[in-house]
Amino acid sequence: MNIFLRELRANLKSLLIWGGIVLLFTVIGFGKFSAYAGNPELLTILEDLPPALMAAFNFSAFNLTTVTGFYGAMFTYFALILSIAAAMWGSDIISKEERDKTVEFSLTLPVTRGRLVTAKALAALINCIGLLLMTWAFVLIQVAKYQPDSQFYSFMSLTMLALFLLQMIFLAIGILLGCALKQYKRAGSVAVSLLLGTYFISIISGLDENLEFLKYFSPFTYFNPSAILHESKLDLLFVGLSVGIIAVALLGAYMTYAKRDLYI
């Protein structure tokens, strides 16, 4: 419990910073929406963009003059921000013990390495949930003046669940890298690089039907906001795949950290 509370206190500043980033993005994003709302002639500006770019950023999948459509187009950006935060928390919360030369103190505590990882992972999980709830609240505050319908709230609830699953995937991957990499200083950069790589794979997979198989290699394609809006559900195949990735990554984290030589 002491480890868990210590990590919560240590990461509070980081949580507030990421919350500030989400708030700023939300305010700016919906500030732009005020120009599109009920003003469809502004959509002609997007006609000059390449079709591939339109598809990559979901501009062609939504009606940007409605609050539901505009939020759907913003989903990808929320996914990136929250996933990067989760990946960095996951990798840093483990590797920082070696970076800050506090691992020797941690290992003298009457806890196993497994319990140490569990306490730290739970603290990172609370951070992820906190950031998700902040995102949810910020969006609700911004859209309230546009009086969204019930479809928006249903759509938003499903996308928040999708965001949570994305957070968990990259949190688990970050924890795995923090536990497994002997070069602990590289855990954060590798986690973010892997995340951005999968994001670009998601873009490439949508450019050509022959590349569609790549969607299974990128969590960012698992929860297409356009499909969520029209089907009012998450794809159970990708939900199962997400849970599988999380389970394998966490299992790998516990196994590798239990055996790895730590830098004291």
C-alpha atoms as a PDB file:
ATOM      1  CA  MET A   1       0.000   0.000   0.000  1.00  0.00           C
ATOM      2  CA  ASN A   2       2.870   2.395   0.820  1.00  0.00           C
ATOM      3  CA  ILE A   3       4.377   1.845  -2.634  1.00  0.00           C
ATOM      4  CA  PHE A   4       1.008   2.437  -4.277  1.00  0.00           C
ATOM      5  CA  LEU A   5       0.383   5.701  -2.400  1.00  0.00           C
ATOM      6  CA  ARG A   6       3.943   6.868  -2.982  1.00  0.00           C
ATOM      7  CA  GLU A   7       3.552   6.376  -6.720  1.00  0.00           C
ATOM      8  CA  LEU A   8       0.224   8.214  -6.755  1.00  0.00           C
ATOM      9  CA  ARG A   9       1.804  11.218  -5.053  1.00  0.00           C
ATOM     10  CA  ALA A  10       4.880  11.087  -7.283  1.00  0.00           C
ATOM     11  CA  ASN A  11       2.799  11.051 -10.473  1.00  0.00           C
ATOM     12  CA  LEU A  12       0.189  13.643  -9.452  1.00  0.00           C
ATOM     13  CA  LYS A  13       2.078  16.463 -11.172  1.00  0.00           C
ATOM     14  CA  SER A  14       2.348  14.421 -14.373  1.00  0.00           C
ATOM     15  CA  LEU A  15      -1.388  13.680 -14.268  1.00  0.00           C
ATOM     16  CA  LEU A  16      -2.200  17.367 -13.905  1.00  0.00           C
ATOM     17  CA  ILE A  17       0.100  18.269 -16.800  1.00  0.00           C
ATOM     18  CA  TRP A  18      -1.518  15.710 -19.095  1.00  0.00           C
ATOM     19  CA  GLY A  19      -4.922  16.889 -17.918  1.00  0.00           C
ATOM     20  CA  GLY A  20      -3.922  20.433 -18.881  1.00  0.00           C
ATOM     21  CA  ILE A  21      -2.880  19.222 -22.342  1.00  0.00           C
ATOM     22  CA  VAL A  22      -6.230  17.498 -22.850  1.00  0.00           C
ATOM     23  CA  LEU A  23      -8.096  20.583 -21.609  1.00  0.00           C
ATOM     24  CA  LEU A  24      -6.185  22.860 -23.971  1.00  0.00           C
ATOM     25  CA  PHE A  25      -6.778  20.552 -26.926  1.00  0.00           C
ATOM     26  CA  THR A  26     -10.482  20.238 -26.097  1.00  0.00           C
ATOM     27  CA  VAL A  27     -10.992  23.987 -25.787  1.00  0.00           C
ATOM     28  CA  ILE A  28      -9.134  24.718 -29.042  1.00  0.00           C
ATOM     29  CA  GLY A  29     -10.859  21.860 -30.879  1.00  0.00           C
ATOM     30  CA  PHE A  30     -14.389  22.839 -29.991  1.00  0.00           C
ATOM     31  CA  GLY A  31     -13.478  26.463 -30.465  1.00  0.00           C
ATOM     32  CA  LYS A  32     -12.917  25.588 -34.118  1.00  0.00           C
ATOM     33  CA  PHE A  33     -16.187  23.668 -34.167  1.00  0.00           C
ATOM     34  CA  SER A  34     -18.072  26.877 -33.392  1.00  0.00           C
ATOM     35  CA  ALA A  35     -17.144  28.024 -36.922  1.00  0.00           C
ATOM     36  CA  TYR A  36     -18.406  24.800 -38.534  1.00  0.00           C
ATOM     37  CA  ALA A  37     -21.619  24.456 -36.499  1.00  0.00           C
ATOM     38  CA  GLY A  38     -24.580  25.029 -38.778  1.00  0.00           C
ATOM     39  CA  ASN A  39     -22.289  26.426 -41.463  1.00  0.00           C
ATOM     40  CA  PRO A  40     -21.867  23.660 -44.089  1.00  0.00           C
ATOM     41  CA  GLU A  41     -20.320  25.936 -46.736  1.00  0.00           C
ATOM     42  CA  LEU A  42     -17.088  25.896 -44.720  1.00  0.00           C
ATOM     43  CA  LEU A  43     -16.745  22.191 -45.540  1.00  0.00           C
ATOM     44  CA  THR A  44     -15.730  23.181 -49.069  1.00  0.00           C
ATOM     45  CA  ILE A  45     -12.322  24.030 -47.599  1.00  0.00           C
ATOM     46  CA  LEU A  46     -11.763  20.318 -47.025  1.00  0.00           C
ATOM     47  CA  GLU A  47     -12.487  19.434 -50.649  1.00  0.00           C
ATOM     48  CA  ASP A  48      -8.968  20.471 -51.645  1.00  0.00           C
ATOM     49  CA  LEU A  49      -7.400  17.921 -49.307  1.00  0.00           C
ATOM     50  CA  PRO A  50      -6.187  14.592 -50.773  1.00  0.00           C
ATOM     51  CA  PRO A  51      -8.725  11.755 -50.288  1.00  0.00           C
ATOM     52  CA  ALA A  52      -6.123   9.665 -48.457  1.00  0.00           C
ATOM     53  CA  LEU A  53      -5.568  12.459 -45.949  1.00  0.00           C
ATOM     54  CA  MET A  54      -9.311  12.906 -45.504  1.00  0.00           C
ATOM     55  CA  ALA A  55      -9.701   9.195 -44.761  1.00  0.00           C
ATOM     56  CA  ALA A  56      -6.671   9.068 -42.444  1.00  0.00           C
ATOM     57  CA  PHE A  57      -8.093  11.748 -40.151  1.00  0.00           C
ATOM     58  CA  ASN A  58     -11.748  10.674 -40.452  1.00  0.00           C
ATOM     59  CA  PHE A  59     -12.749  13.967 -42.076  1.00  0.00           C
ATOM     60  CA  SER A  60     -14.738  12.165 -44.757  1.00  0.00           C
ATOM     61  CA  ALA A  61     -16.482   9.811 -42.313  1.00  0.00           C
ATOM     62  CA  PHE A  62     -18.281  12.467 -40.270  1.00  0.00           C
ATOM     63  CA  ASN A  63     -20.425  15.524 -40.730  1.00  0.00           C
ATOM     64  CA  LEU A  64     -18.216  18.162 -39.142  1.00  0.00           C
ATOM     65  CA  THR A  65     -21.105  20.604 -38.813  1.00  0.00           C
ATOM     66  CA  THR A  66     -22.659  18.455 -36.057  1.00  0.00           C
ATOM     67  CA  VAL A  67     -21.198  18.097 -32.585  1.00  0.00           C
ATOM     68  CA  THR A  68     -21.340  14.298 -32.865  1.00  0.00           C
ATOM     69  CA  GLY A  69     -19.454  14.317 -36.158  1.00  0.00           C
ATOM     70  CA  PHE A  70     -16.854  16.799 -34.976  1.00  0.00           C
ATOM     71  CA  TYR A  71     -16.215  14.809 -31.808  1.00  0.00           C
ATOM     72  CA  GLY A  72     -15.873  11.663 -33.923  1.00  0.00           C
ATOM     73  CA  ALA A  73     -13.170  13.363 -35.995  1.00  0.00           C
ATOM     74  CA  MET A  74     -11.384  14.400 -32.782  1.00  0.00           C
ATOM     75  CA  PHE A  75     -11.409  10.853 -31.389  1.00  0.00           C
ATOM     76  CA  THR A  76      -8.103   9.921 -33.041  1.00  0.00           C
ATOM     77  CA  TYR A  77      -6.334  12.829 -31.375  1.00  0.00           C
ATOM     78  CA  PHE A  78      -7.745  11.950 -27.972  1.00  0.00           C
ATOM     79  CA  ALA A  79      -6.592   8.371 -28.568  1.00  0.00           C
ATOM     80  CA  LEU A  80      -3.053   9.548 -29.321  1.00  0.00           C
ATOM     81  CA  ILE A  81      -2.799  11.844 -26.307  1.00  0.00           C
ATOM     82  CA  LEU A  82      -4.197   9.362 -23.794  1.00  0.00           C
ATOM     83  CA  SER A  83      -2.223   6.434 -25.233  1.00  0.00           C
ATOM     84  CA  ILE A  84       1.084   8.339 -25.140  1.00  0.00           C
ATOM     85  CA  ALA A  85       0.439   9.280 -21.515  1.00  0.00           C
ATOM     86  CA  ALA A  86      -0.355   5.655 -20.628  1.00  0.00           C
ATOM     87  CA  ALA A  87       2.740   4.312 -22.415  1.00  0.00           C
ATOM     88  CA  MET A  88       5.006   6.817 -20.674  1.00  0.00           C
ATOM     89  CA  TRP A  89       3.505   6.143 -17.264  1.00  0.00           C
ATOM     90  CA  GLY A  90       3.796   2.398 -17.756  1.00  0.00           C
ATOM     91  CA  SER A  91       7.431   2.456 -18.837  1.00  0.00           C
ATOM     92  CA  ASP A  92       8.595   5.151 -16.431  1.00  0.00           C
ATOM     93  CA  ILE A  93       6.902   3.878 -13.280  1.00  0.00           C
ATOM     94  CA  ILE A  94       9.068   0.739 -13.404  1.00  0.00           C
ATOM     95  CA  SER A  95      12.323   1.976 -14.931  1.00  0.00           C
ATOM     96  CA  LYS A  96      12.598   5.122 -12.797  1.00  0.00           C
ATOM     97  CA  GLU A  97      13.714   3.017  -9.805  1.00  0.00           C
ATOM     98  CA  GLU A  98      16.914   2.197 -11.686  1.00  0.00           C
ATOM     99  CA  ARG A  99      17.170   5.662 -13.227  1.00  0.00           C
ATOM    100  CA  ASP A 100      16.862   7.408  -9.854  1.00  0.00           C
ATOM    101  CA  LYS A 101      19.062   4.832  -8.092  1.00  0.00           C
ATOM    102  CA  THR A 102      16.267   3.931  -5.656  1.00  0.00           C
ATOM    103  CA  VAL A 103      15.899   0.312  -6.723  1.00  0.00           C
ATOM    104  CA  GLU A 104      18.156  -0.880  -3.885  1.00  0.00           C
ATOM    105  CA  PHE A 105      15.818   0.732  -1.328  1.00  0.00           C
ATOM    106  CA  SER A 106      12.761  -0.763  -3.027  1.00  0.00           C
ATOM    107  CA  LEU A 107      14.264  -4.230  -2.967  1.00  0.00           C
ATOM    108  CA  THR A 108      14.965  -4.003   0.768  1.00  0.00           C
ATOM    109  CA  LEU A 109      11.245  -3.642   1.457  1.00  0.00           C
ATOM    110  CA  PRO A 110       9.461  -6.822   2.637  1.00  0.00           C
ATOM    111  CA  VAL A 111       7.734  -7.279  -0.722  1.00  0.00           C
ATOM    112  CA  THR A 112       8.408  -9.462  -3.726  1.00  0.00           C
ATOM    113  CA  ARG A 113       9.223  -8.044  -7.127  1.00  0.00           C
ATOM    114  CA  GLY A 114       5.812  -9.176  -8.291  1.00  0.00           C
ATOM    115  CA  ARG A 115       4.063  -7.165  -5.582  1.00  0.00           C
ATOM    116  CA  LEU A 116       6.260  -4.179  -6.446  1.00  0.00           C
ATOM    117  CA  VAL A 117       5.152  -4.331 -10.076  1.00  0.00           C
ATOM    118  CA  THR A 118       1.518  -4.772  -9.028  1.00  0.00           C
ATOM    119  CA  ALA A 119       1.543  -1.715  -6.769  1.00  0.00           C
ATOM    120  CA  LYS A 120       3.177   0.436  -9.419  1.00  0.00           C
ATOM    121  CA  ALA A 121       0.887  -0.838 -12.171  1.00  0.00           C
ATOM    122  CA  LEU A 122      -2.185  -0.053 -10.053  1.00  0.00           C
ATOM    123  CA  ALA A 123      -0.927   3.486  -9.484  1.00  0.00           C
ATOM    124  CA  ALA A 124      -0.428   3.936 -13.226  1.00  0.00           C
ATOM    125  CA  LEU A 125      -3.914   2.504 -13.805  1.00  0.00           C
ATOM    126  CA  ILE A 126      -5.419   5.111 -11.462  1.00  0.00           C
ATOM    127  CA  ASN A 127      -3.595   7.826 -13.418  1.00  0.00           C
ATOM    128  CA  CYS A 128      -5.036   6.513 -16.682  1.00  0.00           C
ATOM    129  CA  ILE A 129      -8.554   6.411 -15.263  1.00  0.00           C
ATOM    130  CA  GLY A 130      -8.117   9.909 -13.859  1.00  0.00           C
ATOM    131  CA  LEU A 131      -7.006  11.282 -17.227  1.00  0.00           C
ATOM    132  CA  LEU A 132      -9.879   9.501 -18.980  1.00  0.00           C
ATOM    133  CA  LEU A 133     -12.417  10.998 -16.574  1.00  0.00           C
ATOM    134  CA  MET A 134     -10.885  14.444 -17.083  1.00  0.00           C
ATOM    135  CA  THR A 135     -11.222  14.008 -20.842  1.00  0.00           C
ATOM    136  CA  TRP A 136     -14.833  12.921 -20.479  1.00  0.00           C
ATOM    137  CA  ALA A 137     -15.648  15.896 -18.248  1.00  0.00           C
ATOM    138  CA  PHE A 138     -13.858  18.446 -20.455  1.00  0.00           C
ATOM    139  CA  VAL A 139     -15.715  17.271 -23.563  1.00  0.00           C
ATOM    140  CA  LEU A 140     -19.086  17.312 -21.798  1.00  0.00           C
ATOM    141  CA  ILE A 141     -18.474  20.864 -20.612  1.00  0.00           C
ATOM    142  CA  GLN A 142     -17.490  22.037 -24.093  1.00  0.00           C
ATOM    143  CA  VAL A 143     -20.429  20.430 -25.921  1.00  0.00           C
ATOM    144  CA  ALA A 144     -23.115  21.394 -23.389  1.00  0.00           C
ATOM    145  CA  LYS A 145     -23.839  24.711 -25.134  1.00  0.00           C
ATOM    146  CA  TYR A 146     -24.566  22.885 -28.407  1.00  0.00           C
ATOM    147  CA  GLN A 147     -27.297  20.777 -26.772  1.00  0.00           C
ATOM    148  CA  PRO A 148     -26.225  17.377 -28.155  1.00  0.00           C
ATOM    149  CA  ASP A 149     -28.829  14.651 -28.614  1.00  0.00           C
ATOM    150  CA  SER A 150     -28.969  11.220 -26.985  1.00  0.00           C
ATOM    151  CA  GLN A 151     -27.003   9.698 -29.881  1.00  0.00           C
ATOM    152  CA  PHE A 152     -24.016  11.846 -28.958  1.00  0.00           C
ATOM    153  CA  TYR A 153     -24.000  10.690 -25.344  1.00  0.00           C
ATOM    154  CA  SER A 154     -24.307   7.038 -26.362  1.00  0.00           C
ATOM    155  CA  PHE A 155     -21.527   7.473 -28.925  1.00  0.00           C
ATOM    156  CA  MET A 156     -19.315   9.234 -26.420  1.00  0.00           C
ATOM    157  CA  SER A 157     -19.768   6.505 -23.794  1.00  0.00           C
ATOM    158  CA  LEU A 158     -18.649   3.851 -26.287  1.00  0.00           C
ATOM    159  CA  THR A 159     -15.663   5.890 -27.432  1.00  0.00           C
ATOM    160  CA  MET A 160     -14.593   6.431 -23.832  1.00  0.00           C
ATOM    161  CA  LEU A 161     -14.622   2.661 -23.355  1.00  0.00           C
ATOM    162  CA  ALA A 162     -12.543   2.368 -26.530  1.00  0.00           C
ATOM    163  CA  LEU A 163     -10.111   4.985 -25.197  1.00  0.00           C
ATOM    164  CA  PHE A 164      -9.800   3.058 -21.944  1.00  0.00           C
ATOM    165  CA  LEU A 165      -8.928  -0.144 -23.800  1.00  0.00           C
ATOM    166  CA  LEU A 166      -6.316   1.735 -25.852  1.00  0.00           C
ATOM    167  CA  GLN A 167      -4.868   3.162 -22.645  1.00  0.00           C
ATOM    168  CA  MET A 168      -4.654  -0.312 -21.130  1.00  0.00           C
ATOM    169  CA  ILE A 169      -2.923  -1.736 -24.198  1.00  0.00           C
ATOM    170  CA  PHE A 170      -0.174   0.867 -24.181  1.00  0.00           C
ATOM    171  CA  LEU A 171       0.055   0.945 -20.387  1.00  0.00           C
ATOM    172  CA  ALA A 172       0.676  -2.822 -20.406  1.00  0.00           C
ATOM    173  CA  ILE A 173       3.219  -2.503 -23.225  1.00  0.00           C
ATOM    174  CA  GLY A 174       4.948   0.315 -21.354  1.00  0.00           C
ATOM    175  CA  ILE A 175       5.120  -1.771 -18.176  1.00  0.00           C
ATOM    176  CA  LEU A 176       6.518  -4.696 -20.169  1.00  0.00           C
ATOM    177  CA  LEU A 177       9.257  -2.534 -21.668  1.00  0.00           C
ATOM    178  CA  GLY A 178      10.073  -1.012 -18.290  1.00  0.00           C
ATOM    179  CA  CYS A 179      10.401  -4.485 -16.784  1.00  0.00           C
ATOM    180  CA  ALA A 180      12.170  -6.211 -19.658  1.00  0.00           C
ATOM    181  CA  LEU A 181      14.649  -3.747 -21.133  1.00  0.00           C
ATOM    182  CA  LYS A 182      18.118  -3.940 -19.634  1.00  0.00           C
ATOM    183  CA  GLN A 183      18.779  -0.461 -21.010  1.00  0.00           C
ATOM    184  CA  TYR A 184      16.159   1.045 -18.744  1.00  0.00           C
ATOM    185  CA  LYS A 185      16.773   4.588 -20.017  1.00  0.00           C
ATOM    186  CA  ARG A 186      15.326   3.586 -23.383  1.00  0.00           C
ATOM    187  CA  ALA A 187      12.024   2.200 -22.070  1.00  0.00           C
ATOM    188  CA  GLY A 188      10.051   5.431 -22.482  1.00  0.00           C
ATOM    189  CA  SER A 189      11.413   6.306 -25.927  1.00  0.00           C
ATOM    190  CA  VAL A 190      10.870   2.751 -27.197  1.00  0.00           C
ATOM    191  CA  ALA A 191       7.301   2.737 -25.860  1.00  0.00           C
ATOM    192  CA  VAL A 192       6.411   6.020 -27.578  1.00  0.00           C
ATOM    193  CA  SER A 193       8.197   5.010 -30.789  1.00  0.00           C
ATOM    194  CA  LEU A 194       6.255   1.745 -30.864  1.00  0.00           C
ATOM    195  CA  LEU A 195       3.014   3.653 -30.293  1.00  0.00           C
ATOM    196  CA  LEU A 196       3.681   6.118 -33.102  1.00  0.00           C
ATOM    197  CA  GLY A 197       4.730   3.259 -35.362  1.00  0.00           C
ATOM    198  CA  THR A 198       1.421   1.494 -34.820  1.00  0.00           C
ATOM    199  CA  TYR A 199      -0.399   4.778 -35.452  1.00  0.00           C
ATOM    200  CA  PHE A 200       1.280   5.173 -38.837  1.00  0.00           C
ATOM    201  CA  ILE A 201       0.437   1.548 -39.606  1.00  0.00           C
ATOM    202  CA  SER A 202      -3.211   2.419 -38.968  1.00  0.00           C
ATOM    203  CA  ILE A 203      -2.976   5.205 -41.549  1.00  0.00           C
ATOM    204  CA  ILE A 204      -1.219   2.990 -44.108  1.00  0.00           C
ATOM    205  CA  SER A 205      -3.761   0.190 -43.655  1.00  0.00           C
ATOM    206  CA  GLY A 206      -6.526   2.522 -44.806  1.00  0.00           C
ATOM    207  CA  LEU A 207      -4.799   3.681 -47.977  1.00  0.00           C
ATOM    208  CA  ASP A 208      -5.259   0.486 -49.989  1.00  0.00           C
ATOM    209  CA  GLU A 209      -7.454  -2.598 -49.691  1.00  0.00           C
ATOM    210  CA  ASN A 210      -4.380  -4.801 -50.161  1.00  0.00           C
ATOM    211  CA  LEU A 211      -2.928  -3.338 -46.969  1.00  0.00           C
ATOM    212  CA  GLU A 212      -6.056  -3.847 -44.897  1.00  0.00           C
ATOM    213  CA  PHE A 213      -4.494  -6.840 -43.116  1.00  0.00           C
ATOM    214  CA  LEU A 214      -2.218  -4.364 -41.316  1.00  0.00           C
ATOM    215  CA  LYS A 215      -5.159  -3.260 -39.176  1.00  0.00           C
ATOM    216  CA  TYR A 216      -4.585  -6.262 -36.910  1.00  0.00           C
ATOM    217  CA  PHE A 217      -1.130  -4.876 -36.036  1.00  0.00           C
ATOM    218  CA  SER A 218      -2.328  -1.456 -34.885  1.00  0.00           C
ATOM    219  CA  PRO A 219      -4.566  -0.910 -31.845  1.00  0.00           C
ATOM    220  CA  PHE A 220      -5.598   2.421 -33.379  1.00  0.00           C
ATOM    221  CA  THR A 221      -7.626   0.539 -36.006  1.00  0.00           C
ATOM    222  CA  TYR A 222      -9.394  -1.665 -33.469  1.00  0.00           C
ATOM    223  CA  PHE A 223     -11.945   0.997 -32.609  1.00  0.00           C
ATOM    224  CA  ASN A 224     -12.989   2.945 -35.677  1.00  0.00           C
ATOM    225  CA  PRO A 225     -15.121   5.887 -34.474  1.00  0.00           C
ATOM    226  CA  SER A 226     -17.189   5.843 -37.661  1.00  0.00           C
ATOM    227  CA  ALA A 227     -18.084   2.164 -37.162  1.00  0.00           C
ATOM    228  CA  ILE A 228     -18.824   2.786 -33.481  1.00  0.00           C
ATOM    229  CA  LEU A 229     -21.196   5.616 -34.401  1.00  0.00           C
ATOM    230  CA  HIS A 230     -23.131   3.657 -37.021  1.00  0.00           C
ATOM    231  CA  GLU A 231     -23.166   0.271 -35.266  1.00  0.00           C
ATOM    232  CA  SER A 232     -23.494   1.578 -31.690  1.00  0.00           C
ATOM    233  CA  LYS A 233     -21.118  -1.083 -30.390  1.00  0.00           C
ATOM    234  CA  LEU A 234     -17.469  -2.073 -30.187  1.00  0.00           C
ATOM    235  CA  ASP A 235     -16.155  -4.881 -32.368  1.00  0.00           C
ATOM    236  CA  LEU A 236     -15.928  -7.882 -30.030  1.00  0.00           C
ATOM    237  CA  LEU A 237     -13.091  -9.402 -32.075  1.00  0.00           C
ATOM    238  CA  PHE A 238     -10.903  -6.388 -31.399  1.00  0.00           C
ATOM    239  CA  VAL A 239     -12.041  -6.145 -27.786  1.00  0.00           C
ATOM    240  CA  GLY A 240     -10.878  -9.740 -27.335  1.00  0.00           C
ATOM    241  CA  LEU A 241      -7.627  -9.026 -29.158  1.00  0.00           C
ATOM    242  CA  SER A 242      -7.055  -5.994 -26.921  1.00  0.00           C
ATOM    243  CA  VAL A 243      -7.587  -8.052 -23.769  1.00  0.00           C
ATOM    244  CA  GLY A 244      -5.207 -10.684 -25.129  1.00  0.00           C
ATOM    245  CA  ILE A 245      -2.463  -8.118 -25.799  1.00  0.00           C
ATOM    246  CA  ILE A 246      -2.880  -6.650 -22.311  1.00  0.00           C
ATOM    247  CA  ALA A 247      -2.738 -10.083 -20.658  1.00  0.00           C
ATOM    248  CA  VAL A 248       0.335 -11.231 -22.613  1.00  0.00           C
ATOM    249  CA  ALA A 249       2.194  -7.965 -21.997  1.00  0.00           C
ATOM    250  CA  LEU A 250       1.520  -8.033 -18.244  1.00  0.00           C
ATOM    251  CA  LEU A 251       2.454 -11.699 -17.976  1.00  0.00           C
ATOM    252  CA  GLY A 252       5.692 -10.960 -19.819  1.00  0.00           C
ATOM    253  CA  ALA A 253       6.360  -8.023 -17.493  1.00  0.00           C
ATOM    254  CA  TYR A 254       6.042 -10.126 -14.339  1.00  0.00           C
ATOM    255  CA  MET A 255       8.148 -12.958 -15.771  1.00  0.00           C
ATOM    256  CA  THR A 256      10.990 -10.775 -17.028  1.00  0.00           C
ATOM    257  CA  TYR A 257      11.176  -8.501 -13.984  1.00  0.00           C
ATOM    258  CA  ALA A 258      11.372 -11.476 -11.651  1.00  0.00           C
ATOM    259  CA  LYS A 259      14.496 -12.758 -13.424  1.00  0.00           C
ATOM    260  CA  ARG A 260      16.232  -9.626 -14.680  1.00  0.00           C
ATOM    261  CA  ASP A 261      19.392  -8.250 -13.098  1.00  0.00           C
ATOM    262  CA  LEU A 262      18.646  -4.751 -11.859  1.00  0.00           C
ATOM    263  CA  TYR A 263      21.053  -1.802 -11.957  1.00  0.00           C
ATOM    264  CA  ILE A 264      21.676  -0.671  -8.384  1.00  0.00           C
END
